[in-house]
PDB file of N, CA and C in Angstrom:
ATOM      1  N   UNK A   1       0.879  -0.990   0.027  1.00  0.00           N
ATOM      2  CA  UNK A   1      -0.025  -0.170   0.113  1.00  0.00           C
ATOM      3  C   UNK A   1       1.012   1.354  -0.107  1.00  0.00           C
ATOM      4  N   UNK A   2       0.326   2.162  -0.757  1.00  0.00           N
ATOM      5  CA  UNK A   2       1.037   3.499  -1.036  1.00  0.00           C
ATOM      6  C   UNK A   2       1.190   4.073   0.513  1.00  0.00           C
ATOM      7  N   UNK A   3       1.738   5.036   1.016  1.00  0.00           N
ATOM      8  CA  UNK A   3       1.604   6.006   1.988  1.00  0.00           C
ATOM      9  C   UNK A   3       1.495   6.983   1.738  1.00  0.00           C
ATOM     10  N   UNK A   4       0.183   7.942   2.652  1.00  0.00           N
ATOM     11  CA  UNK A   4      -0.345   8.827   2.223  1.00  0.00           C
ATOM     12  C   UNK A   4       0.160  10.319   3.264  1.00  0.00           C
ATOM     13  N   UNK A   5       1.356  10.767   1.993  1.00  0.00           N
ATOM     14  CA  UNK A   5       2.073  11.764   3.061  1.00  0.00           C
ATOM     15  C   UNK A   5       1.335  13.089   3.422  1.00  0.00           C
ATOM     16  N   UNK A   6       1.882  13.794   4.286  1.00  0.00           N
ATOM     17  CA  UNK A   6       1.162  14.920   5.051  1.00  0.00           C
ATOM     18  C   UNK A   6       0.916  16.309   3.690  1.00  0.00           C
ATOM     19  N   UNK A   7       1.804  16.128   2.793  1.00  0.00           N
ATOM     20  CA  UNK A   7       1.556  16.773   1.746  1.00  0.00           C
ATOM     21  C   UNK A   7      -0.046  16.434   0.969  1.00  0.00           C
ATOM     22  N   UNK A   8      -0.010  15.405   0.724  1.00  0.00           N
ATOM     23  CA  UNK A   8      -1.169  14.978   0.164  1.00  0.00           C
ATOM     24  C   UNK A   8      -2.570  14.983   0.821  1.00  0.00           C
ATOM     25  N   UNK A   9      -2.277  14.768   2.254  1.00  0.00           N
ATOM     26  CA  UNK A   9      -3.312  14.704   3.106  1.00  0.00           C
ATOM     27  C   UNK A   9      -3.989  16.474   3.309  1.00  0.00           C
ATOM     28  N   UNK A  10      -2.747  17.772   3.462  1.00  0.00           N
ATOM     29  CA  UNK A  10      -3.120  18.781   3.535  1.00  0.00           C
ATOM     30  C   UNK A  10      -3.790  19.246   2.051  1.00  0.00           C
ATOM     31  N   UNK A  11      -3.089  18.502   1.013  1.00  0.00           N
ATOM     32  CA  UNK A  11      -3.948  19.207  -0.420  1.00  0.00           C
ATOM     33  C   UNK A  11      -5.297  18.734  -0.577  1.00  0.00           C
ATOM     34  N   UNK A  12      -5.502  17.322   0.269  1.00  0.00           N
ATOM     35  CA  UNK A  12      -7.135  16.979  -0.055  1.00  0.00           C
ATOM     36  C   UNK A  12      -7.752  18.091   0.799  1.00  0.00           C
ATOM     37  N   UNK A  13      -7.237  18.129   2.330  1.00  0.00           N
ATOM     38  CA  UNK A  13      -7.967  18.684   2.950  1.00  0.00           C
ATOM     39  C   UNK A  13      -8.927  19.677   2.448  1.00  0.00           C
ATOM     40  N   UNK A  14      -7.865  20.700   1.184  1.00  0.00           N
ATOM     41  CA  UNK A  14      -8.394  22.212   0.965  1.00  0.00           C
ATOM     42  C   UNK A  14      -9.340  21.878   0.185  1.00  0.00           C
ATOM     43  N   UNK A  15      -8.956  20.626  -0.739  1.00  0.00           N
ATOM     44  CA  UNK A  15     -10.172  20.351  -1.225  1.00  0.00           C
ATOM     45  C   UNK A  15     -11.614  19.737  -0.857  1.00  0.00           C
ATOM     46  N   UNK A  16     -11.652  19.129   0.213  1.00  0.00           N
ATOM     47  CA  UNK A  16     -12.544  18.944   1.270  1.00  0.00           C
ATOM     48  C   UNK A  16     -12.718  17.408   1.524  1.00  0.00           C
ATOM     49  N   UNK A  17     -11.800  17.133   1.668  1.00  0.00           N
ATOM     50  CA  UNK A  17     -12.116  15.199   1.684  1.00  0.00           C
ATOM     51  C   UNK A  17     -10.514  14.960   1.883  1.00  0.00           C
ATOM     52  N   UNK A  18     -10.426  13.605   2.500  1.00  0.00           N
ATOM     53  CA  UNK A  18      -9.210  13.017   2.884  1.00  0.00           C
ATOM     54  C   UNK A  18      -9.734  11.453   2.947  1.00  0.00           C
ATOM     55  N   UNK A  19      -8.704  10.814   3.267  1.00  0.00           N
ATOM     56  CA  UNK A  19      -8.464   9.284   3.559  1.00  0.00           C
ATOM     57  C   UNK A  19      -8.567   9.094   5.067  1.00  0.00           C
ATOM     58  N   UNK A  20      -9.775   8.291   5.383  1.00  0.00           N
ATOM     59  CA  UNK A  20      -9.859   8.254   6.824  1.00  0.00           C
ATOM     60  C   UNK A  20      -9.777   6.733   7.096  1.00  0.00           C
ATOM     61  N   UNK A  21      -9.549   6.351   8.713  1.00  0.00           N
ATOM     62  CA  UNK A  21      -9.651   4.796   9.213  1.00  0.00           C
ATOM     63  C   UNK A  21     -10.945   4.826   9.723  1.00  0.00           C
ATOM     64  N   UNK A  22     -11.257   3.850   9.118  1.00  0.00           N
ATOM     65  CA  UNK A  22     -12.959   3.336   9.350  1.00  0.00           C
ATOM     66  C   UNK A  22     -12.680   3.032  11.110  1.00  0.00           C
ATOM     67  N   UNK A  23     -13.469   3.554  11.775  1.00  0.00           N
ATOM     68  CA  UNK A  23     -13.467   2.745  13.580  1.00  0.00           C
ATOM     69  C   UNK A  23     -11.906   2.686  13.599  1.00  0.00           C
ATOM     70  N   UNK A  24     -11.059   3.432  13.370  1.00  0.00           N
ATOM     71  CA  UNK A  24      -9.549   3.779  13.898  1.00  0.00           C
ATOM     72  C   UNK A  24      -8.693   2.640  13.254  1.00  0.00           C
ATOM     73  N   UNK A  25      -9.417   1.571  12.302  1.00  0.00           N
ATOM     74  CA  UNK A  25      -8.547   0.376  11.939  1.00  0.00           C
ATOM     75  C   UNK A  25      -7.664   0.986  10.520  1.00  0.00           C
ATOM     76  N   UNK A  26      -6.639   1.282  10.623  1.00  0.00           N
ATOM     77  CA  UNK A  26      -5.641   1.579   9.425  1.00  0.00           C
ATOM     78  C   UNK A  26      -5.754   0.578   8.447  1.00  0.00           C
ATOM     79  N   UNK A  27      -6.430  -0.614   8.535  1.00  0.00           N
ATOM     80  CA  UNK A  27      -6.319  -1.585   7.382  1.00  0.00           C
ATOM     81  C   UNK A  27      -7.657  -1.028   6.811  1.00  0.00           C
ATOM     82  N   UNK A  28      -8.550  -0.679   6.990  1.00  0.00           N
ATOM     83  CA  UNK A  28      -9.670  -0.437   6.355  1.00  0.00           C
ATOM     84  C   UNK A  28      -9.759   1.150   6.577  1.00  0.00           C
ATOM     85  N   UNK A  29      -9.520   1.706   5.430  1.00  0.00           N
ATOM     86  CA  UNK A  29      -9.300   2.712   5.046  1.00  0.00           C
ATOM     87  C   UNK A  29     -10.250   3.446   3.576  1.00  0.00           C
ATOM     88  N   UNK A  30     -11.178   4.703   3.598  1.00  0.00           N
ATOM     89  CA  UNK A  30     -12.293   5.378   2.953  1.00  0.00           C
ATOM     90  C   UNK A  30     -11.878   6.602   2.857  1.00  0.00           C
ATOM     91  N   UNK A  31     -12.090   7.334   1.313  1.00  0.00           N
ATOM     92  CA  UNK A  31     -12.434   8.473   1.016  1.00  0.00           C
ATOM     93  C   UNK A  31     -13.609   9.011   1.630  1.00  0.00           C
ATOM     94  N   UNK A  32     -13.556  10.212   2.465  1.00  0.00           N
ATOM     95  CA  UNK A  32     -14.759  10.730   2.886  1.00  0.00           C
ATOM     96  C   UNK A  32     -14.581  12.201   2.704  1.00  0.00           C
ATOM     97  N   UNK A  33     -15.498  12.784   3.226  1.00  0.00           N
ATOM     98  CA  UNK A  33     -15.611  13.904   2.901  1.00  0.00           C
ATOM     99  C   UNK A  33     -14.812  14.407   4.608  1.00  0.00           C
ATOM    100  N   UNK A  34     -14.354  15.858   4.563  1.00  0.00           N
ATOM    101  CA  UNK A  34     -13.831  16.472   5.648  1.00  0.00           C
ATOM    102  C   UNK A  34     -14.776  17.166   6.435  1.00  0.00           C
ATOM    103  N   UNK A  35     -15.259  16.633   7.357  1.00  0.00           N
ATOM    104  CA  UNK A  35     -16.256  17.558   8.066  1.00  0.00           C
ATOM    105  C   UNK A  35     -16.194  18.917   8.188  1.00  0.00           C
ATOM    106  N   UNK A  36     -14.618  19.271   8.759  1.00  0.00           N
ATOM    107  CA  UNK A  36     -14.215  20.665   9.133  1.00  0.00           C
ATOM    108  C   UNK A  36     -14.105  21.593   7.924  1.00  0.00           C
ATOM    109  N   UNK A  37     -14.212  20.979   7.072  1.00  0.00           N
ATOM    110  CA  UNK A  37     -14.378  22.036   5.874  1.00  0.00           C
ATOM    111  C   UNK A  37     -15.441  21.829   5.002  1.00  0.00           C
ATOM    112  N   UNK A  38     -16.535  21.297   5.128  1.00  0.00           N
ATOM    113  CA  UNK A  38     -18.060  21.817   5.169  1.00  0.00           C
ATOM    114  C   UNK A  38     -17.968  22.071   3.743  1.00  0.00           C
ATOM    115  N   UNK A  39     -17.224  21.238   2.600  1.00  0.00           N
ATOM    116  CA  UNK A  39     -17.434  21.450   1.270  1.00  0.00           C
ATOM    117  C   UNK A  39     -18.557  20.618   0.381  1.00  0.00           C
ATOM    118  N   UNK A  40     -18.287  19.307   0.977  1.00  0.00           N
ATOM    119  CA  UNK A  40     -18.978  18.231   0.341  1.00  0.00           C
ATOM    120  C   UNK A  40     -20.456  17.987   1.301  1.00  0.00           C
ATOM    121  N   UNK A  41     -21.598  17.539   0.942  1.00  0.00           N
ATOM    122  CA  UNK A  41     -22.668  17.414   1.524  1.00  0.00           C
ATOM    123  C   UNK A  41     -22.894  15.874   1.846  1.00  0.00           C
ATOM    124  N   UNK A  42     -21.942  14.709   1.324  1.00  0.00           N
ATOM    125  CA  UNK A  42     -22.004  13.956   1.443  1.00  0.00           C
ATOM    126  C   UNK A  42     -20.321  13.005   1.195  1.00  0.00           C
ATOM    127  N   UNK A  43     -20.305  11.740   2.179  1.00  0.00           N
ATOM    128  CA  UNK A  43     -18.977  10.980   1.746  1.00  0.00           C
ATOM    129  C   UNK A  43     -18.871  10.822  -0.183  1.00  0.00           C
ATOM    130  N   UNK A  44     -20.290  10.147  -0.608  1.00  0.00           N
ATOM    131  CA  UNK A  44     -20.736  10.266  -1.932  1.00  0.00           C
ATOM    132  C   UNK A  44     -20.328  11.201  -2.721  1.00  0.00           C
ATOM    133  N   UNK A  45     -20.322  12.383  -2.485  1.00  0.00           N
ATOM    134  CA  UNK A  45     -20.233  13.308  -3.666  1.00  0.00           C
ATOM    135  C   UNK A  45     -18.510  13.454  -3.386  1.00  0.00           C
ATOM    136  N   UNK A  46     -17.491  13.510  -2.064  1.00  0.00           N
ATOM    137  CA  UNK A  46     -16.281  13.701  -2.233  1.00  0.00           C
ATOM    138  C   UNK A  46     -15.769  12.235  -2.849  1.00  0.00           C
ATOM    139  N   UNK A  47     -16.510  11.331  -2.848  1.00  0.00           N
ATOM    140  CA  UNK A  47     -16.080  10.219  -3.399  1.00  0.00           C
ATOM    141  C   UNK A  47     -16.030  10.305  -5.274  1.00  0.00           C
ATOM    142  N   UNK A  48     -17.307  10.834  -5.291  1.00  0.00           N
ATOM    143  CA  UNK A  48     -17.193  11.451  -7.011  1.00  0.00           C
ATOM    144  C   UNK A  48     -16.370  12.080  -7.023  1.00  0.00           C
ATOM    145  N   UNK A  49     -16.070  13.288  -6.362  1.00  0.00           N
ATOM    146  CA  UNK A  49     -15.057  14.129  -6.848  1.00  0.00           C
ATOM    147  C   UNK A  49     -13.939  13.881  -7.043  1.00  0.00           C
ATOM    148  N   UNK A  50     -13.343  12.849  -5.966  1.00  0.00           N
ATOM    149  CA  UNK A  50     -12.034  12.454  -6.170  1.00  0.00           C
ATOM    150  C   UNK A  50     -11.842  11.570  -7.395  1.00  0.00           C
ATOM    151  N   UNK A  51     -12.638  10.615  -7.641  1.00  0.00           N
ATOM    152  CA  UNK A  51     -12.581   9.884  -8.996  1.00  0.00           C
ATOM    153  C   UNK A  51     -12.673  10.848 -10.135  1.00  0.00           C
ATOM    154  N   UNK A  52     -13.222  11.674 -10.450  1.00  0.00           N
ATOM    155  CA  UNK A  52     -13.575  12.369 -11.528  1.00  0.00           C
ATOM    156  C   UNK A  52     -12.598  13.380 -11.516  1.00  0.00           C
ATOM    157  N   UNK A  53     -11.747  13.775 -10.784  1.00  0.00           N
ATOM    158  CA  UNK A  53     -10.545  14.508 -10.813  1.00  0.00           C
ATOM    159  C   UNK A  53      -9.285  13.506 -10.869  1.00  0.00           C
ATOM    160  N   UNK A  54      -9.442  12.099 -10.514  1.00  0.00           N
ATOM    161  CA  UNK A  54      -8.272  11.285 -10.749  1.00  0.00           C
ATOM    162  C   UNK A  54      -8.271  10.972 -12.444  1.00  0.00           C
ATOM    163  N   UNK A  55      -9.399  10.810 -12.772  1.00  0.00           N
ATOM    164  CA  UNK A  55      -9.605  10.539 -14.567  1.00  0.00           C
ATOM    165  C   UNK A  55      -8.948  11.941 -14.980  1.00  0.00           C
ATOM    166  N   UNK A  56      -9.225  13.195 -14.642  1.00  0.00           N
ATOM    167  CA  UNK A  56      -8.588  14.271 -15.362  1.00  0.00           C
ATOM    168  C   UNK A  56      -7.254  14.590 -15.063  1.00  0.00           C
ATOM    169  N   UNK A  57      -6.613  13.625 -14.133  1.00  0.00           N
ATOM    170  CA  UNK A  57      -4.979  14.028 -14.203  1.00  0.00           C
ATOM    171  C   UNK A  57      -4.695  14.348 -12.847  1.00  0.00           C
ATOM    172  N   UNK A  58      -5.343  14.500 -11.872  1.00  0.00           N
ATOM    173  CA  UNK A  58      -5.079  15.300 -10.387  1.00  0.00           C
ATOM    174  C   UNK A  58      -4.540  14.055 -10.059  1.00  0.00           C
ATOM    175  N   UNK A  59      -2.709  14.210  -9.688  1.00  0.00           N
ATOM    176  CA  UNK A  59      -1.747  12.941  -8.987  1.00  0.00           C
ATOM    177  C   UNK A  59      -2.608  12.841  -7.713  1.00  0.00           C
ATOM    178  N   UNK A  60      -2.857  13.669  -6.730  1.00  0.00           N
ATOM    179  CA  UNK A  60      -3.134  13.269  -5.285  1.00  0.00           C
ATOM    180  C   UNK A  60      -4.804  12.528  -5.660  1.00  0.00           C
ATOM    181  N   UNK A  61      -5.375  12.743  -6.049  1.00  0.00           N
ATOM    182  CA  UNK A  61      -6.786  12.011  -6.544  1.00  0.00           C
ATOM    183  C   UNK A  61      -6.547  10.584  -7.022  1.00  0.00           C
ATOM    184  N   UNK A  62      -5.517  10.649  -8.178  1.00  0.00           N
ATOM    185  CA  UNK A  62      -5.082   9.165  -8.541  1.00  0.00           C
ATOM    186  C   UNK A  62      -4.359   8.558  -7.397  1.00  0.00           C
ATOM    187  N   UNK A  63      -3.241   8.853  -6.717  1.00  0.00           N
ATOM    188  CA  UNK A  63      -2.841   8.115  -5.485  1.00  0.00           C
ATOM    189  C   UNK A  63      -3.639   7.679  -4.527  1.00  0.00           C
ATOM    190  N   UNK A  64      -5.074   8.662  -4.653  1.00  0.00           N
ATOM    191  CA  UNK A  64      -6.133   7.958  -3.432  1.00  0.00           C
ATOM    192  C   UNK A  64      -6.689   6.920  -3.969  1.00  0.00           C
ATOM    193  N   UNK A  65      -7.364   7.003  -5.397  1.00  0.00           N
ATOM    194  CA  UNK A  65      -7.835   6.122  -6.139  1.00  0.00           C
ATOM    195  C   UNK A  65      -7.012   4.645  -5.927  1.00  0.00           C
ATOM    196  N   UNK A  66      -6.006   4.977  -6.256  1.00  0.00           N
ATOM    197  CA  UNK A  66      -5.059   3.344  -6.127  1.00  0.00           C
ATOM    198  C   UNK A  66      -5.183   2.881  -4.705  1.00  0.00           C
ATOM    199  N   UNK A  67      -5.140   3.870  -3.501  1.00  0.00           N
ATOM    200  CA  UNK A  67      -4.618   3.214  -2.325  1.00  0.00           C
ATOM    201  C   UNK A  67      -6.247   2.605  -1.729  1.00  0.00           C
ATOM    202  N   UNK A  68      -7.199   3.046  -2.163  1.00  0.00           N
ATOM    203  CA  UNK A  68      -8.647   2.610  -1.805  1.00  0.00           C
ATOM    204  C   UNK A  68      -9.282   1.613  -2.456  1.00  0.00           C
ATOM    205  N   UNK A  69      -9.324   1.859  -3.893  1.00  0.00           N
ATOM    206  CA  UNK A  69      -9.958   1.037  -5.007  1.00  0.00           C
ATOM    207  C   UNK A  69      -8.794   0.053  -5.514  1.00  0.00           C
ATOM    208  N   UNK A  70      -7.778   0.557  -5.490  1.00  0.00           N
ATOM    209  CA  UNK A  70      -7.042  -0.880  -5.894  1.00  0.00           C
ATOM    210  C   UNK A  70      -6.868  -0.109  -7.665  1.00  0.00           C
ATOM    211  N   UNK A  71      -7.186   0.750  -7.905  1.00  0.00           N
ATOM    212  CA  UNK A  71      -6.882   1.151  -9.389  1.00  0.00           C
ATOM    213  C   UNK A  71      -5.431   1.493 -10.120  1.00  0.00           C
TER     214      UNK A  71
END
């Protein structure tokens, strides 16, 4: 699994999403909306944003989809 760097985390946060451990389990990660940023209305909206931007060439989004969806 790729390592999620501090720089990537900060970049994602500014866009309103992040990769989070589900119930604190580092083996169970998910792309979710960042509630503190209040940009997306749902996790699904954040996931769709990440997938779309990965397809458009955003490297942080590409890395996130590789980590989470093994794409």
